[in-house]
Amino acid sequence: MVRARQATETDIDEIMLVERDWEASQRASRERMLTRLRKFPAGFLIFERDGAVIGTLMSFPMHYDPAHVTAMRSWGEVTNHGDYPDVLDGCTANALYLAAGSLKKTARGGTVYEAMMETSADLARNLGLSYVVAGAKIPGYDAYCRRFGDIDARKYAFTWLNGCLVDPFLEMYRAHHFVVPDEDHVIENYYPDAPSRDYAAIVVRRITA
């Protein structure tokens, strides 16, 4: 059984062990992890199985305006390059932004993703926020274009096959009630990620009582 709880600074060694299972170019440093934990501790969640930390999920409150989503031009700008904005104003925030997360390789799959997504929704609900928002890679994009010919990323994000979105990441998010509201939510140069051709889709989950 997977258990979620808020992290503390005493968890930092286990947090870094989880981070070590991530791609080297995308790992956060110990100092950055501590910065995130200190700026918004409520949003730094860890996931445990049999007493061991197997995953992390980090988030902070922000203001999301679906009519001006192009203001979210990159992960770096949204997250202050991973250190979070200096002012997290709960009075104007209406969304919880999922900034980062990782799972140990041995824990990927199964019910862990569901626990992570539902715990973030519960946190947003408890904070009185209306949305959970994330920048999702679209890692099937490059392979799709190589196989079928180039297609605009904004079209690709809405391409279906046999009742499922063709992109595996977007389909995973859809299974947890996230949607890409429109083509403006597909943003170029959001992440440096070759399989996604550096595109990402802003996925949104509306929180209900």
C-alpha atoms as a PDB file:
ATOM      1  CA  MET A   1       0.000   0.000   0.000  1.00  0.00           C
ATOM      2  CA  VAL A   2       1.240   3.484  -0.896  1.00  0.00           C
ATOM      3  CA  ARG A   3       1.117   6.169   1.794  1.00  0.00           C
ATOM      4  CA  ALA A   4       1.438   9.896   1.088  1.00  0.00           C
ATOM      5  CA  ARG A   5       2.599  12.531   3.545  1.00  0.00           C
ATOM      6  CA  GLN A   6       4.179  15.959   3.658  1.00  0.00           C
ATOM      7  CA  ALA A   7       7.956  15.855   3.550  1.00  0.00           C
ATOM      8  CA  THR A   8      10.227  17.359   6.157  1.00  0.00           C
ATOM      9  CA  GLU A   9      13.887  18.293   5.983  1.00  0.00           C
ATOM     10  CA  THR A  10      14.774  15.062   7.767  1.00  0.00           C
ATOM     11  CA  ASP A  11      13.593  13.197   4.643  1.00  0.00           C
ATOM     12  CA  ILE A  12      16.119  14.873   2.364  1.00  0.00           C
ATOM     13  CA  ASP A  13      18.503  11.912   2.076  1.00  0.00           C
ATOM     14  CA  GLU A  14      15.726   9.575   0.937  1.00  0.00           C
ATOM     15  CA  ILE A  15      14.358  12.261  -1.380  1.00  0.00           C
ATOM     16  CA  MET A  16      17.735  12.502  -3.100  1.00  0.00           C
ATOM     17  CA  LEU A  17      17.866   8.719  -3.516  1.00  0.00           C
ATOM     18  CA  VAL A  18      14.594   8.913  -5.442  1.00  0.00           C
ATOM     19  CA  GLU A  19      15.917  11.812  -7.515  1.00  0.00           C
ATOM     20  CA  ARG A  20      18.988   9.755  -8.430  1.00  0.00           C
ATOM     21  CA  ASP A  21      16.748   7.389 -10.402  1.00  0.00           C
ATOM     22  CA  TRP A  22      15.752  10.289 -12.700  1.00  0.00           C
ATOM     23  CA  GLU A  23      17.588  11.374 -15.852  1.00  0.00           C
ATOM     24  CA  ALA A  24      20.851  13.052 -14.866  1.00  0.00           C
ATOM     25  CA  SER A  25      20.134  16.204 -16.875  1.00  0.00           C
ATOM     26  CA  GLN A  26      16.819  16.700 -15.098  1.00  0.00           C
ATOM     27  CA  ARG A  27      17.785  15.995 -11.507  1.00  0.00           C
ATOM     28  CA  ALA A  28      17.369  18.717  -8.903  1.00  0.00           C
ATOM     29  CA  SER A  29      20.159  19.424  -6.462  1.00  0.00           C
ATOM     30  CA  ARG A  30      19.877  18.929  -2.723  1.00  0.00           C
ATOM     31  CA  GLU A  31      19.896  22.706  -2.252  1.00  0.00           C
ATOM     32  CA  ARG A  32      17.040  23.169  -4.729  1.00  0.00           C
ATOM     33  CA  MET A  33      14.986  20.478  -3.012  1.00  0.00           C
ATOM     34  CA  LEU A  34      15.449  22.217   0.324  1.00  0.00           C
ATOM     35  CA  THR A  35      14.488  25.554  -1.242  1.00  0.00           C
ATOM     36  CA  ARG A  36      11.224  24.065  -2.520  1.00  0.00           C
ATOM     37  CA  LEU A  37      10.502  22.452   0.811  1.00  0.00           C
ATOM     38  CA  ARG A  38      11.078  25.691   2.703  1.00  0.00           C
ATOM     39  CA  LYS A  39       9.086  27.900   0.312  1.00  0.00           C
ATOM     40  CA  PHE A  40       5.958  25.764   0.234  1.00  0.00           C
ATOM     41  CA  PRO A  41       6.192  22.763   2.566  1.00  0.00           C
ATOM     42  CA  ALA A  42       2.519  21.814   2.141  1.00  0.00           C
ATOM     43  CA  GLY A  43       3.156  21.092  -1.519  1.00  0.00           C
ATOM     44  CA  PHE A  44       6.182  18.847  -1.042  1.00  0.00           C
ATOM     45  CA  LEU A  45       4.739  15.348  -0.816  1.00  0.00           C
ATOM     46  CA  ILE A  46       6.519  12.043  -0.500  1.00  0.00           C
ATOM     47  CA  PHE A  47       5.107   8.596  -1.146  1.00  0.00           C
ATOM     48  CA  GLU A  48       6.116   5.591   0.912  1.00  0.00           C
ATOM     49  CA  ARG A  49       5.745   1.848   0.579  1.00  0.00           C
ATOM     50  CA  ASP A  50       6.746  -0.464   3.422  1.00  0.00           C
ATOM     51  CA  GLY A  51       8.317   2.501   5.209  1.00  0.00           C
ATOM     52  CA  ALA A  52      10.601   3.487   2.309  1.00  0.00           C
ATOM     53  CA  VAL A  53      10.267   6.629   0.199  1.00  0.00           C
ATOM     54  CA  ILE A  54       9.504   5.619  -3.394  1.00  0.00           C
ATOM     55  CA  GLY A  55       8.322   8.879  -4.898  1.00  0.00           C
ATOM     56  CA  THR A  56       8.057  12.654  -4.638  1.00  0.00           C
ATOM     57  CA  LEU A  57       5.636  15.259  -5.944  1.00  0.00           C
ATOM     58  CA  MET A  58       6.280  18.981  -5.597  1.00  0.00           C
ATOM     59  CA  SER A  59       3.769  21.761  -6.198  1.00  0.00           C
ATOM     60  CA  PHE A  60       2.959  25.357  -5.363  1.00  0.00           C
ATOM     61  CA  PRO A  61      -0.062  27.692  -5.718  1.00  0.00           C
ATOM     62  CA  MET A  62      -0.299  29.968  -8.739  1.00  0.00           C
ATOM     63  CA  HIS A  63      -2.853  31.966 -10.689  1.00  0.00           C
ATOM     64  CA  TYR A  64      -4.058  30.154 -13.804  1.00  0.00           C
ATOM     65  CA  ASP A  65      -5.980  32.094 -16.445  1.00  0.00           C
ATOM     66  CA  PRO A  66      -7.154  29.797 -19.264  1.00  0.00           C
ATOM     67  CA  ALA A  67      -7.623  32.810 -21.552  1.00  0.00           C
ATOM     68  CA  HIS A  68      -3.964  33.831 -21.171  1.00  0.00           C
ATOM     69  CA  VAL A  69      -2.196  30.492 -20.947  1.00  0.00           C
ATOM     70  CA  THR A  70       0.517  31.634 -23.351  1.00  0.00           C
ATOM     71  CA  ALA A  71       1.896  33.607 -20.408  1.00  0.00           C
ATOM     72  CA  MET A  72       3.103  30.203 -19.185  1.00  0.00           C
ATOM     73  CA  ARG A  73       5.863  30.263 -21.778  1.00  0.00           C
ATOM     74  CA  SER A  74       8.207  27.752 -20.168  1.00  0.00           C
ATOM     75  CA  TRP A  75       8.656  25.562 -17.120  1.00  0.00           C
ATOM     76  CA  GLY A  76      11.568  27.767 -16.089  1.00  0.00           C
ATOM     77  CA  GLU A  77       9.473  30.925 -16.099  1.00  0.00           C
ATOM     78  CA  VAL A  78       6.568  29.337 -14.246  1.00  0.00           C
ATOM     79  CA  THR A  79       8.755  27.796 -11.542  1.00  0.00           C
ATOM     80  CA  ASN A  80      11.447  30.489 -11.244  1.00  0.00           C
ATOM     81  CA  HIS A  81      13.843  27.942 -12.771  1.00  0.00           C
ATOM     82  CA  GLY A  82      12.920  25.317 -10.232  1.00  0.00           C
ATOM     83  CA  ASP A  83      13.242  27.475  -7.116  1.00  0.00           C
ATOM     84  CA  TYR A  84       9.573  28.594  -7.081  1.00  0.00           C
ATOM     85  CA  PRO A  85       8.420  32.199  -7.192  1.00  0.00           C
ATOM     86  CA  ASP A  86       9.543  34.276  -4.242  1.00  0.00           C
ATOM     87  CA  VAL A  87       5.983  35.312  -3.399  1.00  0.00           C
ATOM     88  CA  LEU A  88       3.345  32.596  -3.230  1.00  0.00           C
ATOM     89  CA  ASP A  89       0.236  34.686  -2.770  1.00  0.00           C
ATOM     90  CA  GLY A  90      -2.574  32.432  -1.606  1.00  0.00           C
ATOM     91  CA  CYS A  91      -5.062  35.301  -1.929  1.00  0.00           C
ATOM     92  CA  THR A  92      -4.755  35.431  -5.737  1.00  0.00           C
ATOM     93  CA  ALA A  93      -3.919  31.785  -6.434  1.00  0.00           C
ATOM     94  CA  ASN A  94      -6.606  29.593  -7.945  1.00  0.00           C
ATOM     95  CA  ALA A  95      -4.500  26.606  -9.019  1.00  0.00           C
ATOM     96  CA  LEU A  96      -1.927  24.142  -7.774  1.00  0.00           C
ATOM     97  CA  TYR A  97       0.960  23.786 -10.219  1.00  0.00           C
ATOM     98  CA  LEU A  98       2.719  20.414 -10.276  1.00  0.00           C
ATOM     99  CA  ALA A  99       6.309  21.544 -10.613  1.00  0.00           C
ATOM    100  CA  ALA A 100       8.210  18.276 -10.388  1.00  0.00           C
ATOM    101  CA  GLY A 101       8.013  14.698  -9.275  1.00  0.00           C
ATOM    102  CA  SER A 102       9.861  11.434  -9.491  1.00  0.00           C
ATOM    103  CA  LEU A 103       9.469   7.742  -8.785  1.00  0.00           C
ATOM    104  CA  LYS A 104      12.037   5.077  -8.162  1.00  0.00           C
ATOM    105  CA  LYS A 105      12.357   2.824 -11.195  1.00  0.00           C
ATOM    106  CA  THR A 106      11.189  -0.161  -9.178  1.00  0.00           C
ATOM    107  CA  ALA A 107       7.972   1.663  -8.203  1.00  0.00           C
ATOM    108  CA  ARG A 108       6.819   2.906 -11.609  1.00  0.00           C
ATOM    109  CA  GLY A 109       3.474   1.723 -12.875  1.00  0.00           C
ATOM    110  CA  GLY A 110       0.675   0.141 -10.892  1.00  0.00           C
ATOM    111  CA  THR A 111      -1.327   2.347  -8.569  1.00  0.00           C
ATOM    112  CA  VAL A 112       1.410   4.814  -7.636  1.00  0.00           C
ATOM    113  CA  TYR A 113       0.513   7.357 -10.344  1.00  0.00           C
ATOM    114  CA  GLU A 114      -3.095   7.264  -9.206  1.00  0.00           C
ATOM    115  CA  ALA A 115      -2.026   7.970  -5.622  1.00  0.00           C
ATOM    116  CA  MET A 116       0.073  10.906  -6.785  1.00  0.00           C
ATOM    117  CA  MET A 117      -2.664  12.449  -8.910  1.00  0.00           C
ATOM    118  CA  GLU A 118      -5.414  12.007  -6.340  1.00  0.00           C
ATOM    119  CA  THR A 119      -3.268  13.324  -3.493  1.00  0.00           C
ATOM    120  CA  SER A 120      -2.517  16.479  -5.471  1.00  0.00           C
ATOM    121  CA  ALA A 121      -6.230  16.932  -6.183  1.00  0.00           C
ATOM    122  CA  ASP A 122      -7.003  16.516  -2.485  1.00  0.00           C
ATOM    123  CA  LEU A 123      -4.360  19.117  -1.617  1.00  0.00           C
ATOM    124  CA  ALA A 124      -5.803  21.624  -4.091  1.00  0.00           C
ATOM    125  CA  ARG A 125      -9.277  20.999  -2.692  1.00  0.00           C
ATOM    126  CA  ASN A 126      -8.063  21.487   0.884  1.00  0.00           C
ATOM    127  CA  LEU A 127      -6.386  24.747  -0.113  1.00  0.00           C
ATOM    128  CA  GLY A 128      -9.600  26.007  -1.691  1.00  0.00           C
ATOM    129  CA  LEU A 129      -8.131  26.033  -5.211  1.00  0.00           C
ATOM    130  CA  SER A 130     -10.094  25.424  -8.396  1.00  0.00           C
ATOM    131  CA  TYR A 131      -7.515  23.656 -10.575  1.00  0.00           C
ATOM    132  CA  VAL A 132      -4.505  21.384 -10.655  1.00  0.00           C
ATOM    133  CA  VAL A 133      -2.216  22.358 -13.539  1.00  0.00           C
ATOM    134  CA  ALA A 134       0.907  20.744 -14.972  1.00  0.00           C
ATOM    135  CA  GLY A 135       3.175  21.063 -17.971  1.00  0.00           C
ATOM    136  CA  ALA A 136       3.134  17.602 -19.552  1.00  0.00           C
ATOM    137  CA  LYS A 137       5.746  16.396 -21.983  1.00  0.00           C
ATOM    138  CA  ILE A 138       4.374  14.837 -25.160  1.00  0.00           C
ATOM    139  CA  PRO A 139       7.031  12.139 -25.553  1.00  0.00           C
ATOM    140  CA  GLY A 140       5.351  10.328 -28.422  1.00  0.00           C
ATOM    141  CA  TYR A 141       5.444  13.367 -30.706  1.00  0.00           C
ATOM    142  CA  ASP A 142       8.797  12.903 -32.452  1.00  0.00           C
ATOM    143  CA  ALA A 143       8.206   9.179 -33.045  1.00  0.00           C
ATOM    144  CA  TYR A 144       4.729   9.865 -34.418  1.00  0.00           C
ATOM    145  CA  CYS A 145       6.063  12.424 -36.892  1.00  0.00           C
ATOM    146  CA  ARG A 146       8.829  10.090 -38.010  1.00  0.00           C
ATOM    147  CA  ARG A 147       6.313   7.360 -38.693  1.00  0.00           C
ATOM    148  CA  PHE A 148       3.401   9.291 -40.171  1.00  0.00           C
ATOM    149  CA  GLY A 149       4.930  12.571 -41.309  1.00  0.00           C
ATOM    150  CA  ASP A 150       5.199  15.902 -39.593  1.00  0.00           C
ATOM    151  CA  ILE A 151       2.102  17.210 -37.857  1.00  0.00           C
ATOM    152  CA  ASP A 152       1.653  20.398 -35.837  1.00  0.00           C
ATOM    153  CA  ALA A 153       2.157  19.674 -32.140  1.00  0.00           C
ATOM    154  CA  ARG A 154      -1.137  21.382 -31.393  1.00  0.00           C
ATOM    155  CA  LYS A 155      -2.904  18.897 -33.639  1.00  0.00           C
ATOM    156  CA  TYR A 156      -0.917  15.945 -32.335  1.00  0.00           C
ATOM    157  CA  ALA A 157      -2.042  16.626 -28.748  1.00  0.00           C
ATOM    158  CA  PHE A 158      -5.633  16.018 -29.855  1.00  0.00           C
ATOM    159  CA  THR A 159      -4.994  12.960 -32.040  1.00  0.00           C
ATOM    160  CA  TRP A 160      -6.907   9.835 -31.022  1.00  0.00           C
ATOM    161  CA  LEU A 161      -6.570   6.154 -31.858  1.00  0.00           C
ATOM    162  CA  ASN A 162      -9.048   3.504 -30.744  1.00  0.00           C
ATOM    163  CA  GLY A 163     -10.606   5.771 -28.139  1.00  0.00           C
ATOM    164  CA  CYS A 164      -7.295   6.899 -26.605  1.00  0.00           C
ATOM    165  CA  LEU A 165      -5.010   9.867 -27.132  1.00  0.00           C
ATOM    166  CA  VAL A 166      -2.003   8.688 -29.128  1.00  0.00           C
ATOM    167  CA  ASP A 167       0.448  10.384 -26.790  1.00  0.00           C
ATOM    168  CA  PRO A 168       1.063   8.084 -23.812  1.00  0.00           C
ATOM    169  CA  PHE A 169       1.659  10.892 -21.320  1.00  0.00           C
ATOM    170  CA  LEU A 170      -1.454  12.810 -22.298  1.00  0.00           C
ATOM    171  CA  GLU A 171      -3.489   9.609 -22.147  1.00  0.00           C
ATOM    172  CA  MET A 172      -2.125   8.905 -18.665  1.00  0.00           C
ATOM    173  CA  TYR A 173      -3.160  12.387 -17.522  1.00  0.00           C
ATOM    174  CA  ARG A 174      -6.573  11.982 -19.164  1.00  0.00           C
ATOM    175  CA  ALA A 175      -7.117   8.837 -17.111  1.00  0.00           C
ATOM    176  CA  HIS A 176      -6.730  11.042 -14.018  1.00  0.00           C
ATOM    177  CA  HIS A 177      -9.222  13.701 -15.171  1.00  0.00           C
ATOM    178  CA  PHE A 178      -6.741  16.138 -16.731  1.00  0.00           C
ATOM    179  CA  VAL A 179      -7.496  17.693 -20.114  1.00  0.00           C
ATOM    180  CA  VAL A 180      -5.714  19.938 -22.587  1.00  0.00           C
ATOM    181  CA  PRO A 181      -8.382  22.649 -22.867  1.00  0.00           C
ATOM    182  CA  ASP A 182      -7.459  23.897 -26.345  1.00  0.00           C
ATOM    183  CA  GLU A 183      -4.602  24.182 -28.820  1.00  0.00           C
ATOM    184  CA  ASP A 184      -3.240  27.318 -27.122  1.00  0.00           C
ATOM    185  CA  HIS A 185      -2.324  25.056 -24.200  1.00  0.00           C
ATOM    186  CA  VAL A 186       0.318  23.322 -26.343  1.00  0.00           C
ATOM    187  CA  ILE A 187       3.479  25.386 -25.965  1.00  0.00           C
ATOM    188  CA  GLU A 188       6.769  25.277 -27.855  1.00  0.00           C
ATOM    189  CA  ASN A 189      10.094  25.288 -25.964  1.00  0.00           C
ATOM    190  CA  TYR A 190       8.412  24.551 -22.653  1.00  0.00           C
ATOM    191  CA  TYR A 191      10.876  21.799 -21.696  1.00  0.00           C
ATOM    192  CA  PRO A 192      14.108  20.657 -23.321  1.00  0.00           C
ATOM    193  CA  ASP A 193      12.926  17.172 -24.312  1.00  0.00           C
ATOM    194  CA  ALA A 194      13.914  15.628 -27.645  1.00  0.00           C
ATOM    195  CA  PRO A 195      11.093  13.032 -27.855  1.00  0.00           C
ATOM    196  CA  SER A 196       8.602  15.908 -27.385  1.00  0.00           C
ATOM    197  CA  ARG A 197      10.512  18.189 -29.785  1.00  0.00           C
ATOM    198  CA  ASP A 198      10.639  20.568 -26.794  1.00  0.00           C
ATOM    199  CA  TYR A 199       6.856  20.973 -26.723  1.00  0.00           C
ATOM    200  CA  ALA A 200       4.617  20.465 -23.719  1.00  0.00           C
ATOM    201  CA  ALA A 201       0.897  20.555 -23.159  1.00  0.00           C
ATOM    202  CA  ILE A 202      -0.584  22.405 -20.209  1.00  0.00           C
ATOM    203  CA  VAL A 203      -2.935  19.864 -18.681  1.00  0.00           C
ATOM    204  CA  VAL A 204      -5.676  20.997 -16.340  1.00  0.00           C
ATOM    205  CA  ARG A 205      -7.887  19.244 -13.824  1.00  0.00           C
ATOM    206  CA  ARG A 206     -10.897  21.135 -12.511  1.00  0.00           C
ATOM    207  CA  ILE A 207     -11.396  20.561  -8.810  1.00  0.00           C
ATOM    208  CA  THR A 208     -14.906  19.911  -7.595  1.00  0.00           C
ATOM    209  CA  ALA A 209     -16.152  19.812  -4.031  1.00  0.00           C
END
